């Protein structure tokens, strides 16, 4: 997913990392970046913004040559991240649950052209709401395309949902209004409103969708676009936004999108978030769009700088020196003088008497 966009940014970062930062070299690399981004379905005005911001940061910057590639990568991440931040985000489930008045159900109007997966997306959203214990009804306000009502009914039957529909050629706004009245009378939490897959160049049909908005005043308008349609999807989003001022987008077939430019361009051009992306045909194949996940797929892991971990220095334990105890020397007693034995004088024999 998004391999081309990832390669476009990676190549310019590596190329600049191999050169001195001179203006001519920067211009040459940015031209290559522009070509790669155009091939990745990034809108022209978005490319101009990226190039201008990057050039300002690079000219005259004092960065170690070995650090240039990382510097460029971080600059690109910062620029693109700010585009998503400016568009904001919202939590659909929480927003619906916050609206607790049974006489004021939450209305969602889906717009987009035929073939983008709009009907399947409505079914996926319906399944998601059911799992979150939110009751709902579906309005078949696409009364223009043959087979549209039957296609939607196939999904609502599988999900065991009420479908409000009229005949083909009926007023789409009237169908939406009937669904709203049904929701109020049955205390239903949410109404999902389909609309005809209008080509953005068809003025009359675009005016009809504006009429639906005026009649039922939806809480949320979601544009459904095909990720694989590239710049056509961006053009559609721009035109639908002009007529409906939609609140967010769902991009279908994102699992097969190797370019990735549609999500970035829609966010930058309309200043509205991509809310969900479709990743398959099943009802569960719907994912919340996540800015950090997108940046990780495009730029690789660790899009946020890792914290510097100070090395843990083990305290040096000084060995405890036991005090040397001097041995106590007992004084040696002087030997007592040995008395010489005094020889007894031998007795003198008495002279015998004469």
Protein backbone atom coordinates (compact mmCIF):
# COMPACT_ATOMS: atom_id res chain seq x y z
CA UNK A 1 0.00 0.00 0.00
CA UNK A 2 1.28 3.48 -0.99
CA UNK A 3 4.58 2.11 -2.38
CA UNK A 4 4.95 4.76 -5.12
CA UNK A 5 4.47 7.65 -2.72
CA UNK A 6 6.91 6.07 -0.29
CA UNK A 7 9.53 5.66 -3.03
CA UNK A 8 9.08 9.25 -4.21
CA UNK A 9 9.91 10.71 -0.81
CA UNK A 10 12.63 8.17 -0.08
CA UNK A 11 14.45 8.83 -3.35
CA UNK A 12 14.62 12.61 -2.92
CA UNK A 13 15.89 12.22 0.65
CA UNK A 14 18.65 9.86 -0.46
CA UNK A 15 19.59 11.99 -3.49
CA UNK A 16 20.00 15.12 -1.40
CA UNK A 17 21.96 13.12 1.11
CA UNK A 18 24.56 12.38 -1.57
CA UNK A 19 25.11 16.02 -2.60
CA UNK A 20 26.23 19.29 -1.13
CA UNK A 21 23.26 21.58 -0.46
CA UNK A 22 23.56 23.94 -3.42
CA UNK A 23 20.48 25.59 -4.90
CA UNK A 24 20.93 24.07 -8.37
CA UNK A 25 21.18 20.57 -6.93
CA UNK A 26 18.12 21.18 -4.75
CA UNK A 27 16.07 22.40 -7.73
CA UNK A 28 17.08 19.35 -9.74
CA UNK A 29 16.07 16.96 -6.98
CA UNK A 30 12.78 18.79 -6.35
CA UNK A 31 11.93 18.48 -10.04
CA UNK A 32 12.42 14.73 -9.79
CA UNK A 33 10.26 14.75 -6.66
CA UNK A 34 7.51 16.62 -8.52
CA UNK A 35 7.46 14.04 -11.32
CA UNK A 36 7.31 11.17 -8.83
CA UNK A 37 4.49 12.80 -6.86
CA UNK A 38 2.48 13.45 -10.02
CA UNK A 39 2.82 9.75 -10.84
CA UNK A 40 1.56 9.02 -7.31
CA UNK A 41 -1.63 11.06 -7.92
CA UNK A 42 -0.68 13.96 -5.66
CA UNK A 43 -2.49 17.17 -6.64
CA UNK A 44 -0.41 19.94 -8.23
CA UNK A 45 -1.09 22.49 -5.49
CA UNK A 46 -0.03 19.97 -2.86
CA UNK A 47 3.22 19.28 -4.72
CA UNK A 48 3.94 23.01 -4.94
CA UNK A 49 3.40 23.34 -1.20
CA UNK A 50 5.74 20.43 -0.42
CA UNK A 51 8.47 21.69 -2.77
CA UNK A 52 8.32 25.26 -1.50
CA UNK A 53 8.44 24.24 2.15
CA UNK A 54 11.30 21.81 1.61
CA UNK A 55 13.37 24.28 -0.42
CA UNK A 56 13.05 26.96 2.27
CA UNK A 57 14.33 24.53 4.86
CA UNK A 58 17.23 23.27 2.74
CA UNK A 59 18.81 26.41 1.25
CA UNK A 60 21.58 27.69 3.46
CA UNK A 61 20.96 25.13 6.14
CA UNK A 62 23.98 23.95 8.06
CA UNK A 63 23.58 20.22 8.38
CA UNK A 64 26.26 17.60 8.52
CA UNK A 65 26.35 15.84 5.15
CA UNK A 66 25.75 12.49 6.81
CA UNK A 67 22.59 13.88 8.43
CA UNK A 68 21.02 15.46 5.32
CA UNK A 69 18.91 12.42 4.38
CA UNK A 70 17.42 12.22 7.86
CA UNK A 71 16.87 16.01 7.89
CA UNK A 72 14.96 15.87 4.58
CA UNK A 73 12.87 12.93 5.76
CA UNK A 74 11.89 14.69 8.98
CA UNK A 75 11.06 17.88 7.06
CA UNK A 76 8.73 15.99 4.72
CA UNK A 77 7.03 14.21 7.62
CA UNK A 78 6.52 17.51 9.43
CA UNK A 79 5.00 19.14 6.33
CA UNK A 80 2.60 16.30 5.52
CA UNK A 81 1.65 15.75 9.15
CA UNK A 82 0.63 19.41 9.42
CA UNK A 83 -1.75 18.98 6.44
CA UNK A 84 -3.58 16.17 8.23
CA UNK A 85 -3.61 18.12 11.50
CA UNK A 86 -5.14 21.15 9.77
CA UNK A 87 -7.98 18.97 8.40
CA UNK A 88 -8.78 17.74 11.92
CA UNK A 89 -10.68 14.56 12.73
CA UNK A 90 -13.86 13.34 14.39
CA UNK A 91 -15.21 10.22 16.06
CA UNK A 92 -18.36 9.14 14.21
CA UNK A 93 -19.61 6.70 16.84
CA UNK A 94 -19.16 9.17 19.70
CA UNK A 95 -20.84 11.98 17.74
CA UNK A 96 -23.92 9.83 17.05
CA UNK A 97 -24.20 8.71 20.68
CA UNK A 98 -23.96 12.31 21.91
CA UNK A 99 -27.20 13.11 20.08
CA UNK A 100 -29.69 11.57 22.50
CA UNK A 101 -32.99 13.26 21.48
CA UNK A 102 -35.26 10.50 20.01
CA UNK A 103 -37.03 13.14 17.92
CA UNK A 104 -33.76 14.31 16.41
CA UNK A 105 -31.96 11.34 14.79
CA UNK A 106 -28.43 11.67 13.44
CA UNK A 107 -28.48 12.02 9.63
CA UNK A 108 -25.59 11.05 7.36
CA UNK A 109 -25.70 11.87 3.64
CA UNK A 110 -23.33 9.98 1.33
CA UNK A 111 -22.21 11.59 -1.94
CA UNK A 112 -19.96 10.46 -4.78
CA UNK A 113 -20.06 9.18 -8.34
CA UNK A 114 -21.11 5.75 -9.59
CA UNK A 115 -18.60 2.94 -9.33
CA UNK A 116 -16.67 4.19 -6.32
CA UNK A 117 -18.18 1.68 -3.88
CA UNK A 118 -20.59 4.14 -2.26
CA UNK A 119 -23.42 1.64 -1.75
CA UNK A 120 -21.07 -0.95 -0.23
CA UNK A 121 -19.58 1.74 2.01
CA UNK A 122 -23.05 2.60 3.31
CA UNK A 123 -23.55 -1.08 4.17
CA UNK A 124 -20.17 -1.18 5.95
CA UNK A 125 -21.04 1.91 8.01
CA UNK A 126 -24.43 0.36 8.82
CA UNK A 127 -22.75 -2.82 10.05
CA UNK A 128 -20.33 -0.75 12.15
CA UNK A 129 -23.20 1.16 13.78
CA UNK A 130 -25.06 -2.06 14.54
CA UNK A 131 -22.01 -3.42 16.36
CA UNK A 132 -21.99 -0.27 18.46
CA UNK A 133 -25.65 -0.71 19.47
CA UNK A 134 -26.86 2.19 17.30
CA UNK A 135 -30.26 1.69 15.65
CA UNK A 136 -30.62 2.92 12.08
CA UNK A 137 -32.70 3.13 8.93
CA UNK A 138 -31.47 3.51 5.34
CA UNK A 139 -32.92 5.88 2.72
CA UNK A 140 -32.68 4.85 -0.95
CA UNK A 141 -32.44 8.37 -2.34
CA UNK A 142 -30.65 7.26 -5.50
CA UNK A 143 -33.77 7.20 -7.68
CA UNK A 144 -31.77 7.92 -10.82
CA UNK A 145 -29.57 4.86 -11.49
CA UNK A 146 -31.29 1.68 -12.61
CA UNK A 147 -30.76 -1.10 -10.08
CA UNK A 148 -29.57 1.22 -7.31
CA UNK A 149 -32.54 0.50 -5.01
CA UNK A 150 -32.26 -3.27 -5.51
CA UNK A 151 -28.53 -3.17 -4.81
CA UNK A 152 -29.06 -1.29 -1.57
CA UNK A 153 -31.96 -3.56 -0.59
CA UNK A 154 -29.68 -6.57 -0.96
CA UNK A 155 -27.41 -5.13 1.73
CA UNK A 156 -30.20 -4.04 4.09
CA UNK A 157 -31.81 -7.49 3.86
CA UNK A 158 -28.51 -9.14 4.84
CA UNK A 159 -28.12 -6.74 7.75
CA UNK A 160 -31.81 -6.97 8.72
CA UNK A 161 -32.34 -3.22 8.36
CA UNK A 162 -35.33 -1.10 7.37
CA UNK A 163 -35.02 0.45 3.88
CA UNK A 164 -37.17 3.46 2.98
CA UNK A 165 -37.61 3.64 -0.80
CA UNK A 166 -39.92 4.96 -3.52
CA UNK A 167 -40.16 4.41 -7.28
CA UNK A 168 -37.40 5.33 -9.70
CA UNK A 169 -37.74 8.93 -10.81
CA UNK A 170 -39.13 10.02 -7.43
CA UNK A 171 -37.82 13.12 -5.72
CA UNK A 172 -34.65 12.05 -3.82
CA UNK A 173 -35.26 14.71 -1.17
CA UNK A 174 -38.75 13.31 -0.53
CA UNK A 175 -37.30 9.82 0.07
CA UNK A 176 -34.80 11.25 2.56
CA UNK A 177 -37.59 13.14 4.32
CA UNK A 178 -39.71 9.97 4.57
CA UNK A 179 -36.77 8.16 6.19
CA UNK A 180 -36.39 11.01 8.67
CA UNK A 181 -40.08 10.81 9.62
CA UNK A 182 -39.80 7.02 10.04
CA UNK A 183 -36.77 7.44 12.32
CA UNK A 184 -38.59 9.97 14.50
CA UNK A 185 -41.73 7.85 14.85
CA UNK A 186 -39.75 4.70 15.66
CA UNK A 187 -37.12 6.43 17.83
CA UNK A 188 -34.28 5.34 15.57
CA UNK A 189 -30.83 6.74 16.36
CA UNK A 190 -29.43 7.29 12.86
CA UNK A 191 -30.46 7.64 9.20
CA UNK A 192 -28.07 6.74 6.36
CA UNK A 193 -29.02 8.47 3.10
CA UNK A 194 -27.80 7.20 -0.25
CA UNK A 195 -27.74 9.58 -3.22
CA UNK A 196 -27.38 9.24 -6.98
CA UNK A 197 -23.85 8.70 -8.26
CA UNK A 198 -23.67 12.09 -9.82
CA UNK A 199 -20.85 13.07 -12.13
CA UNK A 200 -19.33 16.20 -10.70
CA UNK A 201 -19.83 17.94 -14.05
CA UNK A 202 -23.62 17.32 -14.13
CA UNK A 203 -25.04 20.58 -12.85
CA UNK A 204 -28.68 19.45 -12.54
CA UNK A 205 -27.83 16.36 -10.53
CA UNK A 206 -25.47 18.31 -8.29
CA UNK A 207 -28.31 20.74 -7.60
CA UNK A 208 -30.52 17.81 -6.56
CA UNK A 209 -28.03 16.75 -3.94
CA UNK A 210 -27.95 20.33 -2.66
CA UNK A 211 -31.75 20.12 -2.35
CA UNK A 212 -31.51 16.96 -0.22
CA UNK A 213 -29.19 18.82 2.14
CA UNK A 214 -31.61 21.72 2.46
CA UNK A 215 -34.65 19.49 3.07
CA UNK A 216 -33.25 17.15 5.75
CA UNK A 217 -30.25 19.18 6.98
CA UNK A 218 -27.90 16.22 7.59
CA UNK A 219 -25.55 16.24 10.57
CA UNK A 220 -22.76 14.78 8.47
CA UNK A 221 -21.97 14.65 4.75
CA UNK A 222 -19.47 12.06 3.60
CA UNK A 223 -17.77 11.96 0.22
CA UNK A 224 -16.94 8.46 -1.04
CA UNK A 225 -14.04 8.25 -3.49
CA UNK A 226 -12.08 5.51 -5.21
CA UNK A 227 -8.41 5.42 -4.16
CA UNK A 228 -7.45 3.85 -7.47
CA UNK A 229 -8.96 6.67 -9.55
CA UNK A 230 -6.08 8.96 -8.60
CA UNK A 231 -6.38 12.59 -9.61
CA UNK A 232 -9.93 11.98 -10.87
CA UNK A 233 -10.92 11.32 -7.26
CA UNK A 234 -9.26 14.56 -6.20
CA UNK A 235 -11.16 16.47 -8.91
CA UNK A 236 -14.42 14.85 -7.79
CA UNK A 237 -13.74 15.73 -4.16
CA UNK A 238 -12.99 19.33 -5.07
CA UNK A 239 -16.25 19.68 -7.04
CA UNK A 240 -18.45 17.88 -4.50
CA UNK A 241 -16.97 19.98 -1.72
CA UNK A 242 -17.86 23.12 -3.65
CA UNK A 243 -21.52 22.05 -3.87
CA UNK A 244 -22.04 20.18 -0.59
CA UNK A 245 -19.29 21.33 1.78
CA UNK A 246 -18.90 17.72 2.94
CA UNK A 247 -17.40 16.99 6.37
CA UNK A 248 -15.14 14.05 5.63
CA UNK A 249 -14.22 11.36 3.12
CA UNK A 250 -14.12 7.59 2.84
CA UNK A 251 -11.62 6.15 0.36
CA UNK A 252 -12.46 2.73 -1.04
CA UNK A 253 -10.13 0.04 -2.45
CA UNK A 254 -7.22 1.37 -0.39
CA UNK A 255 -5.84 -2.13 0.04
CA UNK A 256 -4.98 -2.16 -3.69
CA UNK A 257 -3.65 1.41 -3.81
CA UNK A 258 0.09 1.45 -4.50
CA UNK A 259 0.21 5.23 -5.03
CA UNK A 260 -1.37 6.82 -1.96
CA UNK A 261 -1.67 10.34 -3.35
CA UNK A 262 -5.48 10.53 -3.18
CA UNK A 263 -5.69 10.60 0.63
CA UNK A 264 -3.01 13.27 0.92
CA UNK A 265 -4.49 15.40 -1.87
CA UNK A 266 -8.12 15.28 -0.68
CA UNK A 267 -7.08 16.33 2.82
CA UNK A 268 -4.89 19.15 1.50
CA UNK A 269 -7.37 20.43 -1.11
CA UNK A 270 -10.59 20.30 0.95
CA UNK A 271 -9.14 20.72 4.46
CA UNK A 272 -11.44 17.85 5.49
CA UNK A 273 -10.29 14.55 7.00
CA UNK A 274 -10.32 11.07 5.54
CA UNK A 275 -12.44 9.24 8.11
CA UNK A 276 -12.35 5.63 6.92
CA UNK A 277 -10.63 3.55 4.26
CA UNK A 278 -12.13 0.49 2.58
CA UNK A 279 -9.84 -2.53 2.54
CA UNK A 280 -12.02 -5.22 0.95
CA UNK A 281 -15.55 -6.29 0.04
CA UNK A 282 -16.68 -7.61 3.43
CA UNK A 283 -18.73 -5.56 5.87
CA UNK A 284 -15.82 -5.64 8.33
CA UNK A 285 -13.32 -4.38 5.74
CA UNK A 286 -13.49 -0.79 6.92
CA UNK A 287 -10.69 0.83 8.90
CA UNK A 288 -10.38 4.14 10.67
CA UNK A 289 -7.92 6.32 8.78
CA UNK A 290 -4.94 6.99 11.00
CA UNK A 291 -2.41 9.70 10.20
CA UNK A 292 0.44 7.97 12.00
CA UNK A 293 -0.21 4.69 10.19
CA UNK A 294 -0.24 6.54 6.85
CA UNK A 295 3.07 8.26 7.61
CA UNK A 296 4.59 4.98 8.73
CA UNK A 297 3.59 3.25 5.48
CA UNK A 298 5.01 6.12 3.42
CA UNK A 299 8.17 6.91 5.38
CA UNK A 300 8.79 3.68 7.25
CA UNK A 301 8.67 3.07 10.97
CA UNK A 302 9.74 5.53 13.63
CA UNK A 303 8.18 8.63 12.08
CA UNK A 304 8.50 10.22 15.51
CA UNK A 305 12.00 10.88 16.81
CA UNK A 306 13.00 8.34 19.37
CA UNK A 307 13.70 9.69 22.82
CA UNK A 308 17.34 9.79 23.75
CA UNK A 309 17.89 7.30 26.49
CA UNK A 310 20.64 8.28 28.84
CA UNK A 311 22.91 5.35 29.61
CA UNK A 312 22.46 4.02 33.08
CA UNK A 313 25.71 4.36 34.92
CA UNK A 314 26.17 1.77 37.60
CA UNK A 315 27.51 3.37 40.76
CA UNK A 316 31.06 2.37 41.52
CA UNK A 317 31.09 0.69 44.87
CA UNK A 318 34.34 1.28 46.68
CA UNK A 319 35.50 -1.84 48.48
CA UNK A 320 35.20 -1.47 52.20
CA UNK A 321 38.66 -1.70 53.69
CA UNK A 322 38.61 -3.34 57.05
CA UNK A 323 40.86 -1.51 59.50
CA UNK A 324 44.04 -3.41 60.18
CA UNK A 325 44.12 -4.29 63.82
CA UNK A 326 47.62 -4.33 65.13
CA UNK A 327 48.16 -7.40 67.26
CA UNK A 328 48.57 -6.59 70.90
CA UNK A 329 52.01 -7.75 71.94
CA UNK A 330 52.02 -8.90 75.50
CA UNK A 331 55.23 -7.80 77.29
CA UNK A 332 57.49 -10.72 77.91
CA UNK A 333 58.22 -11.02 81.61
CA UNK A 334 61.88 -10.96 82.45
CA UNK A 335 62.87 -14.31 83.90
CA UNK A 336 63.54 -14.08 87.60
CA UNK A 337 67.22 -14.54 88.46
CA UNK A 338 67.93 -18.03 89.57
CA UNK A 339 69.67 -17.97 92.95
CA UNK A 340 72.91 -19.92 92.97
CA UNK A 341 72.78 -22.52 95.70
CA UNK A 342 75.13 -21.62 98.53
CA UNK A 343 77.40 -24.52 99.27
CA UNK A 344 77.25 -25.59 102.84
CA UNK A 345 80.78 -25.68 104.43
CA UNK A 346 81.90 -29.16 105.03
CA UNK A 347 82.09 -29.92 108.76
CA UNK A 348 85.60 -29.81 110.25
CA UNK A 349 86.45 -32.96 112.09
CA UNK A 350 87.14 -32.49 115.77
CA UNK A 351 90.70 -33.61 116.78
CA UNK A 352 90.71 -36.71 118.75
CA UNK A 353 91.84 -36.25 122.36
CA UNK A 354 95.26 -37.36 123.15
